[in-house]
Amino acid sequence: MEIIPSKKMSLYKPAIFSELKRFATKQQQENGMEIIDLSLGSPDMPPHEILREHLSKLSLLPSSYGYTLSASNQFKEAVARYYKRVNEVDLDPYTEVIQTIGSQEGLVHLPVAFCDPGDIVLTTNPSYVAYDAGIKLAGATSYYIPLDAQRGFVPNLNAIPEEIAKKAKLLIINMPGNPVPATPSLEYFSEVVNFAKKFNIIVLHDAAYSEFYFTGERPITFLAAPGAKEVGMEINSLSKSFSLAGTRVAYIVGNAEMIKVFAQLKSNLDFGIFDPIQSTAALALDHAEEITEDLRFTFSERHRVLTKGLVDLGWDVAPSTGGMFVWAKYPYEIDSVTFAYKAIEQVGVIMVPGTEFGTEGEGYVRLALVQPVELLEKALKKLRSISI
């Protein structure tokens, strides 16, 4: 029979991550090349022992295997406690918290709940790939906000034409960012709130890297800005901060009416997350300070080593004080996809080409801080010998 994909499938190209990995594996098998993978932002550190023990114990219970349908009160209350404790933000756990099956699921489905075909969604170029995926799924149209390098690569709201802002339905921002690790400030988030109020735009802030900070001062939450809960929400994940990527658990917090709308959509999409995972996630949030302290120390050192090493090689590295990635412009006149494959072929270092995140990523690559320092140093030595 003839298999005919939907017209919508023409909007989605295969993600490059698997292709890079496949090409690297081929080089390894054919040439015996050592591969150092700095592509996917999957934590290499295991979850804390108390989390593994808790999940294991609950998974043995026969009663753990029914549908949960939605977030447990235990999970929602833990999210509210976490926000109050670390961000000094009050949340109603029963109306201002909703669980998602990882942040990817939430990011892709949320535009469907609020955008009609033809609506404009404000995002950035470059940006995390899930944003455009969700916008396309909703049939909406992306408008890309320039990143303001002079202010640390935050989206420049002043560059948005008024006629575009009047038509926009949703604004998606991400700080510390992926792939560009911009640092948020209360001043900037207040600017976002005022902009959203002026043009009646829903705001979604992606805070997936909120525990990845290297200066001793944690990134501010969007909800700390006065009036933020009137205009928007914040999504956060336990994948990175607690090394729970495979458990697929995250949450959105903020405006109660927006949460209610999204909950209505999700009630038609899934039957909830495995209860032992929810309970383990609640335990992680309640012990966030002790669990994430080692993570910050480790990633701060990796960030220092990789950033300094690339600068010494003559690369132009976007300055950052947090996040899980380094965004760097390489010193060669070659497109980013070709460069990424040549880096694998010649020296066995896997990086993601910048154009995977948008056209403005040309000439850049994203490197994930997911290898120990000794391997990062080895990767830097390898990159020194690239011949372009």
Protein backbone atom coordinates (compact mmCIF):
# COMPACT_ATOMS: atom_id res chain seq x y z
CA MET A 1 0.00 0.00 0.00
CA GLU A 2 1.03 3.62 -0.48
CA ILE A 3 1.86 5.39 2.75
CA ILE A 4 1.10 9.10 2.52
CA PRO A 5 2.14 11.30 5.45
CA SER A 6 -0.05 14.23 6.43
CA LYS A 7 0.72 17.64 4.95
CA LYS A 8 1.71 18.78 8.44
CA MET A 9 4.60 16.29 8.41
CA SER A 10 6.28 18.43 5.74
CA LEU A 11 6.89 20.96 8.52
CA TYR A 12 9.00 18.54 10.53
CA LYS A 13 12.47 17.45 9.49
CA PRO A 14 14.29 14.59 11.25
CA ALA A 15 16.25 15.83 14.26
CA ILE A 16 19.98 15.88 13.61
CA PHE A 17 20.99 14.38 16.98
CA SER A 18 20.49 10.78 15.87
CA GLU A 19 22.24 11.41 12.56
CA LEU A 20 25.30 12.84 14.31
CA LYS A 21 25.41 9.88 16.67
CA ARG A 22 25.08 7.43 13.77
CA PHE A 23 27.90 9.09 11.86
CA ALA A 24 30.12 9.06 14.95
CA THR A 25 29.42 5.39 15.59
CA LYS A 26 30.40 4.61 12.00
CA GLN A 27 33.71 6.47 12.44
CA GLN A 28 34.34 4.59 15.64
CA GLN A 29 33.66 1.20 14.06
CA GLU A 30 35.60 1.82 10.85
CA ASN A 31 38.56 3.78 12.20
CA GLY A 32 38.68 2.92 15.88
CA MET A 33 38.31 6.61 16.67
CA GLU A 34 37.62 7.69 20.24
CA ILE A 35 34.35 9.62 20.38
CA ILE A 36 33.65 12.45 22.84
CA ASP A 37 29.97 13.34 22.74
CA LEU A 38 29.14 16.96 23.61
CA SER A 39 25.85 17.03 21.71
CA LEU A 40 22.80 15.94 23.69
CA GLY A 41 22.06 17.69 26.99
CA SER A 42 21.48 14.45 28.88
CA PRO A 43 23.02 14.54 32.37
CA ASP A 44 25.90 12.10 32.80
CA MET A 45 25.62 12.18 36.61
CA PRO A 46 23.18 9.68 38.18
CA PRO A 47 20.26 10.79 40.36
CA HIS A 48 21.04 11.21 44.05
CA GLU A 49 21.06 7.94 45.99
CA ILE A 50 17.99 8.88 48.05
CA LEU A 51 16.01 9.31 44.84
CA ARG A 52 17.11 5.99 43.35
CA GLU A 53 16.30 4.16 46.58
CA HIS A 54 12.91 5.82 46.87
CA LEU A 55 11.94 5.07 43.27
CA SER A 56 13.12 1.48 43.58
CA LYS A 57 11.18 0.90 46.80
CA LEU A 58 7.90 2.30 45.48
CA SER A 59 8.25 0.47 42.15
CA LEU A 60 8.12 -2.86 44.00
CA LEU A 61 4.66 -2.12 45.41
CA PRO A 62 1.83 -3.90 43.51
CA SER A 63 -0.38 -0.86 44.13
CA SER A 64 1.88 1.49 42.17
CA TYR A 65 0.82 0.54 38.66
CA GLY A 66 -2.58 2.14 38.10
CA TYR A 67 -3.36 5.27 36.13
CA THR A 68 -2.60 8.47 37.99
CA LEU A 69 -4.57 10.65 35.50
CA SER A 70 -2.85 13.82 36.70
CA ALA A 71 -0.37 15.18 39.23
CA SER A 72 -0.67 13.91 42.78
CA ASN A 73 -1.27 16.39 45.59
CA GLN A 74 2.09 15.28 46.99
CA PHE A 75 3.83 16.45 43.81
CA LYS A 76 1.93 19.73 43.46
CA GLU A 77 2.48 20.62 47.11
CA ALA A 78 6.21 19.88 46.74
CA VAL A 79 6.40 22.24 43.75
CA ALA A 80 4.71 24.97 45.79
CA ARG A 81 7.09 24.41 48.72
CA TYR A 82 10.08 24.53 46.37
CA TYR A 83 9.01 27.84 44.84
CA LYS A 84 8.34 29.36 48.23
CA ARG A 85 11.64 28.15 49.67
CA VAL A 86 14.05 28.91 46.84
CA ASN A 87 12.24 31.68 44.93
CA GLU A 88 10.12 33.33 47.65
CA VAL A 89 7.09 32.95 45.36
CA ASP A 90 3.71 31.77 46.65
CA LEU A 91 1.80 29.22 44.57
CA ASP A 92 -1.58 27.62 45.10
CA PRO A 93 -0.62 23.97 44.53
CA TYR A 94 -4.14 23.02 43.42
CA THR A 95 -4.81 25.78 40.87
CA GLU A 96 -1.41 27.15 39.86
CA VAL A 97 0.56 23.93 39.25
CA ILE A 98 0.19 21.36 36.48
CA GLN A 99 2.41 18.39 35.69
CA THR A 100 3.78 17.58 32.24
CA ILE A 101 5.51 14.48 30.89
CA GLY A 102 8.86 16.23 30.73
CA SER A 103 9.16 19.83 29.60
CA GLN A 104 9.30 18.77 25.93
CA GLU A 105 5.72 17.53 26.07
CA GLY A 106 4.54 20.70 27.79
CA LEU A 107 6.37 23.00 25.38
CA VAL A 108 5.01 21.23 22.30
CA HIS A 109 1.41 20.97 23.47
CA LEU A 110 0.95 24.33 25.19
CA PRO A 111 0.61 26.40 21.95
CA VAL A 112 -2.25 24.07 20.94
CA ALA A 113 -4.19 25.20 24.02
CA PHE A 114 -3.89 28.91 23.28
CA CYS A 115 -3.15 29.48 19.59
CA ASP A 116 -5.33 29.20 16.51
CA PRO A 117 -3.99 28.68 13.00
CA GLY A 118 -2.40 31.91 11.83
CA ASP A 119 -1.80 33.32 15.31
CA ILE A 120 1.66 34.76 15.93
CA VAL A 121 3.98 33.32 18.57
CA LEU A 122 7.00 35.36 19.57
CA THR A 123 10.17 33.36 20.10
CA THR A 124 13.86 33.74 19.33
CA ASN A 125 16.28 32.65 16.63
CA PRO A 126 18.20 30.64 17.72
CA SER A 127 15.99 28.85 20.22
CA TYR A 128 15.27 25.39 21.59
CA VAL A 129 13.83 23.17 18.87
CA ALA A 130 10.65 22.23 20.79
CA TYR A 131 9.30 25.78 20.59
CA ASP A 132 8.95 25.75 16.82
CA ALA A 133 7.63 22.18 16.92
CA GLY A 134 4.75 23.26 19.18
CA ILE A 135 4.05 26.39 17.17
CA LYS A 136 3.81 24.35 13.97
CA LEU A 137 1.58 21.77 15.68
CA ALA A 138 -0.86 24.54 16.59
CA GLY A 139 -0.76 25.91 13.05
CA ALA A 140 0.53 29.21 14.39
CA THR A 141 3.31 31.37 12.93
CA SER A 142 6.67 32.10 14.55
CA TYR A 143 8.02 35.63 14.74
CA TYR A 144 11.67 35.68 15.75
CA ILE A 145 12.86 38.31 18.21
CA PRO A 146 16.49 39.39 17.84
CA LEU A 147 18.79 38.49 20.74
CA ASP A 148 20.38 41.57 22.30
CA ALA A 149 24.09 40.74 22.62
CA GLN A 150 24.81 44.01 24.48
CA ARG A 151 22.42 42.92 27.24
CA GLY A 152 23.66 39.35 27.46
CA PHE A 153 21.64 37.84 24.60
CA VAL A 154 18.19 38.52 26.10
CA PRO A 155 15.35 38.87 23.56
CA ASN A 156 15.02 42.49 22.45
CA LEU A 157 11.33 43.30 22.85
CA ASN A 158 11.86 46.80 21.49
CA ALA A 159 12.75 45.30 18.12
CA ILE A 160 9.26 43.81 17.69
CA PRO A 161 7.14 45.95 15.33
CA GLU A 162 3.95 47.17 16.99
CA GLU A 163 1.76 45.61 14.30
CA ILE A 164 3.34 42.23 15.07
CA ALA A 165 2.98 42.65 18.83
CA LYS A 166 -0.72 43.49 18.44
CA LYS A 167 -1.30 40.21 16.60
CA ALA A 168 0.84 38.04 18.90
CA LYS A 169 -0.86 35.50 21.16
CA LEU A 170 2.09 33.92 22.98
CA LEU A 171 5.67 34.84 23.92
CA ILE A 172 8.19 32.08 24.74
CA ILE A 173 11.44 33.03 26.49
CA ASN A 174 14.18 30.88 28.02
CA MET A 175 16.80 32.03 30.58
CA PRO A 176 19.34 30.61 31.28
CA GLY A 177 18.85 29.66 27.69
CA ASN A 178 19.34 26.81 25.28
CA PRO A 179 21.35 27.11 23.11
CA VAL A 180 22.36 30.68 24.11
CA PRO A 181 22.68 30.78 27.93
CA ALA A 182 21.32 34.29 28.62
CA THR A 183 20.94 35.28 32.28
CA PRO A 184 17.61 36.71 33.47
CA SER A 185 17.11 39.75 35.70
CA LEU A 186 14.16 41.21 37.59
CA GLU A 187 14.48 44.34 35.45
CA TYR A 188 14.15 42.35 32.24
CA PHE A 189 11.27 40.19 33.48
CA SER A 190 9.44 43.37 34.57
CA GLU A 191 9.92 44.64 31.02
CA VAL A 192 8.39 41.39 29.73
CA VAL A 193 5.38 41.74 32.06
CA ASN A 194 4.72 45.32 30.95
CA PHE A 195 5.03 44.30 27.29
CA ALA A 196 2.62 41.38 27.78
CA LYS A 197 0.06 43.55 29.54
CA LYS A 198 0.25 46.25 26.87
CA PHE A 199 -0.40 43.81 24.01
CA ASN A 200 -2.43 41.12 25.84
CA ILE A 201 0.14 38.38 25.22
CA ILE A 202 0.52 35.14 27.22
CA VAL A 203 4.09 34.57 28.44
CA LEU A 204 5.75 31.19 28.89
CA HIS A 205 9.18 31.22 30.51
CA ASP A 206 11.24 28.04 30.14
CA ALA A 207 13.30 27.70 33.34
CA ALA A 208 14.72 24.23 32.68
CA TYR A 209 18.23 25.34 33.71
CA SER A 210 17.33 27.33 36.82
CA GLU A 211 19.58 25.20 39.05
CA PHE A 212 22.56 25.61 36.71
CA TYR A 213 24.26 28.77 37.91
CA PHE A 214 27.95 29.39 38.48
CA THR A 215 28.17 32.65 40.42
CA GLY A 216 26.53 31.79 43.74
CA GLU A 217 23.42 33.77 42.81
CA ARG A 218 20.59 31.65 41.42
CA PRO A 219 18.73 32.85 38.31
CA ILE A 220 15.58 34.76 39.17
CA THR A 221 12.24 33.15 38.40
CA PHE A 222 9.90 34.93 35.99
CA LEU A 223 7.15 34.70 38.61
CA ALA A 224 9.17 36.98 40.92
CA ALA A 225 8.45 39.94 38.64
CA PRO A 226 5.47 42.03 39.83
CA GLY A 227 2.39 41.07 37.84
CA ALA A 228 3.99 37.99 36.25
CA LYS A 229 1.20 35.64 37.33
CA GLU A 230 -1.31 37.97 35.67
CA VAL A 231 0.25 37.39 32.26
CA GLY A 232 2.00 34.07 32.24
CA MET A 233 3.53 30.84 33.37
CA GLU A 234 6.88 29.17 33.93
CA ILE A 235 7.82 25.64 32.92
CA ASN A 236 10.53 23.69 34.71
CA SER A 237 11.84 20.16 34.51
CA LEU A 238 13.54 17.71 36.84
CA SER A 239 15.44 16.21 33.90
CA LYS A 240 18.56 18.36 34.16
CA SER A 241 18.57 19.71 37.72
CA PHE A 242 18.03 16.33 39.37
CA SER A 243 19.44 13.98 36.68
CA LEU A 244 15.96 12.51 36.16
CA ALA A 245 15.86 12.89 32.37
CA GLY A 246 14.55 9.38 31.69
CA THR A 247 11.67 9.69 34.15
CA ARG A 248 10.05 12.48 32.05
CA VAL A 249 8.59 14.67 34.78
CA ALA A 250 8.17 18.45 34.72
CA TYR A 251 5.62 21.11 35.64
CA ILE A 252 4.12 24.42 34.62
CA VAL A 253 3.26 27.02 37.28
CA GLY A 254 1.61 30.41 37.17
CA ASN A 255 -1.69 31.93 36.07
CA ALA A 256 -4.55 29.76 37.36
CA GLU A 257 -6.86 30.37 34.39
CA MET A 258 -4.12 29.46 31.91
CA ILE A 259 -3.30 26.34 33.93
CA LYS A 260 -6.99 25.38 33.84
CA VAL A 261 -7.12 25.71 30.06
CA PHE A 262 -4.00 23.59 29.61
CA ALA A 263 -5.32 21.00 32.08
CA GLN A 264 -8.42 20.62 29.91
CA LEU A 265 -6.24 19.84 26.89
CA LYS A 266 -4.01 17.43 28.80
CA SER A 267 -7.02 15.51 30.13
CA ASN A 268 -7.56 14.47 26.51
CA LEU A 269 -3.93 13.59 25.82
CA ASP A 270 -2.55 11.40 28.60
CA PHE A 271 -3.33 9.49 31.80
CA GLY A 272 -0.60 10.89 33.99
CA ILE A 273 2.86 9.85 35.14
CA PHE A 274 3.85 6.67 37.02
CA ASP A 275 3.12 7.34 40.70
CA PRO A 276 6.58 6.27 42.01
CA ILE A 277 8.12 8.83 39.64
CA GLN A 278 5.81 11.55 40.95
CA SER A 279 6.69 10.69 44.53
CA THR A 280 10.41 10.64 43.72
CA ALA A 281 10.10 14.01 42.01
CA ALA A 282 8.42 15.43 45.11
CA LEU A 283 11.26 14.08 47.25
CA ALA A 284 13.81 15.68 44.90
CA LEU A 285 12.14 19.08 45.16
CA ASP A 286 12.01 18.86 48.95
CA HIS A 287 15.76 18.12 49.04
CA ALA A 288 16.76 20.42 46.19
CA GLU A 289 19.44 22.33 48.05
CA GLU A 290 21.51 19.31 49.06
CA ILE A 291 21.01 17.51 45.73
CA THR A 292 21.86 20.40 43.40
CA GLU A 293 24.87 21.78 45.28
CA ASP A 294 27.25 19.11 43.93
CA LEU A 295 25.74 19.48 40.47
CA ARG A 296 26.49 23.21 40.42
CA PHE A 297 30.07 22.68 41.56
CA THR A 298 30.68 20.06 38.88
CA PHE A 299 29.09 21.98 36.01
CA SER A 300 30.71 25.25 37.05
CA GLU A 301 34.16 23.66 36.72
CA ARG A 302 33.24 22.09 33.38
CA HIS A 303 31.95 25.42 32.14
CA ARG A 304 35.18 27.17 33.18
CA VAL A 305 37.43 24.60 31.52
CA LEU A 306 35.51 24.39 28.25
CA THR A 307 34.94 28.14 27.90
CA LYS A 308 38.58 29.04 28.59
CA GLY A 309 39.82 26.26 26.33
CA LEU A 310 37.69 27.36 23.38
CA VAL A 311 38.72 31.00 23.82
CA ASP A 312 42.37 29.89 23.83
CA LEU A 313 41.68 28.14 20.52
CA GLY A 314 40.43 31.41 19.04
CA TRP A 315 36.72 30.65 19.27
CA ASP A 316 34.22 33.37 20.16
CA VAL A 317 32.24 32.10 23.16
CA ALA A 318 28.98 33.70 24.29
CA PRO A 319 29.56 34.85 27.89
CA SER A 320 27.37 33.11 30.44
CA THR A 321 26.96 32.56 34.16
CA GLY A 322 24.66 29.57 33.97
CA GLY A 323 23.01 26.92 31.83
CA MET A 324 24.09 23.51 30.61
CA PHE A 325 25.63 24.52 27.31
CA VAL A 326 28.36 26.60 25.71
CA TRP A 327 27.41 28.54 22.56
CA ALA A 328 30.48 29.23 20.48
CA LYS A 329 31.43 30.64 17.08
CA TYR A 330 34.23 28.65 15.48
CA PRO A 331 36.98 30.46 13.52
CA TYR A 332 36.45 28.79 10.14
CA GLU A 333 34.65 29.86 6.97
CA ILE A 334 32.41 26.82 6.73
CA ASP A 335 28.73 26.18 7.41
CA SER A 336 27.85 24.74 10.80
CA VAL A 337 26.45 21.40 9.61
CA THR A 338 29.53 20.65 7.50
CA PHE A 339 31.77 21.73 10.37
CA ALA A 340 29.98 19.45 12.85
CA TYR A 341 30.47 16.44 10.59
CA LYS A 342 34.11 17.32 9.89
CA ALA A 343 34.74 17.59 13.63
CA ILE A 344 33.43 14.06 14.07
CA GLU A 345 35.29 12.72 11.06
CA GLN A 346 38.64 14.32 11.89
CA VAL A 347 38.79 14.32 15.70
CA GLY A 348 35.74 12.43 17.03
CA VAL A 349 34.09 15.34 18.90
CA ILE A 350 30.31 15.54 18.53
CA MET A 351 28.77 19.04 18.67
CA VAL A 352 25.39 20.31 17.47
CA PRO A 353 25.46 22.70 14.49
CA GLY A 354 23.99 26.08 15.34
CA THR A 355 21.48 26.02 12.49
CA GLU A 356 19.63 23.20 14.25
CA PHE A 357 18.31 25.98 16.50
CA GLY A 358 17.56 28.52 13.78
CA THR A 359 19.09 30.30 10.82
CA GLU A 360 20.89 32.80 13.09
CA GLY A 361 22.90 29.89 14.47
CA GLU A 362 24.99 29.69 11.32
CA GLY A 363 28.68 29.72 12.17
CA TYR A 364 28.07 28.46 15.71
CA VAL A 365 27.94 25.13 17.51
CA ARG A 366 26.40 24.13 20.82
CA LEU A 367 28.51 22.10 23.23
CA ALA A 368 26.90 20.35 26.22
CA LEU A 369 28.68 20.16 29.57
CA VAL A 370 27.95 16.45 29.88
CA GLN A 371 31.45 15.00 30.13
CA PRO A 372 33.95 15.09 33.02
CA VAL A 373 36.71 17.70 32.98
CA GLU A 374 39.39 15.27 31.79
CA LEU A 375 37.33 14.44 28.68
CA LEU A 376 36.58 18.10 28.03
CA GLU A 377 40.31 18.80 28.14
CA LYS A 378 40.89 15.92 25.74
CA ALA A 379 38.17 17.27 23.43
CA LEU A 380 39.88 20.66 23.41
CA LYS A 381 43.18 19.06 22.40
CA LYS A 382 41.37 17.22 19.62
CA LEU A 383 39.69 20.39 18.37
CA ARG A 384 43.07 22.10 18.17
CA SER A 385 44.08 19.64 15.44
CA ILE A 386 41.09 20.20 13.15
CA SER A 387 42.13 21.04 9.59
CA ILE A 388 39.62 23.11 7.62
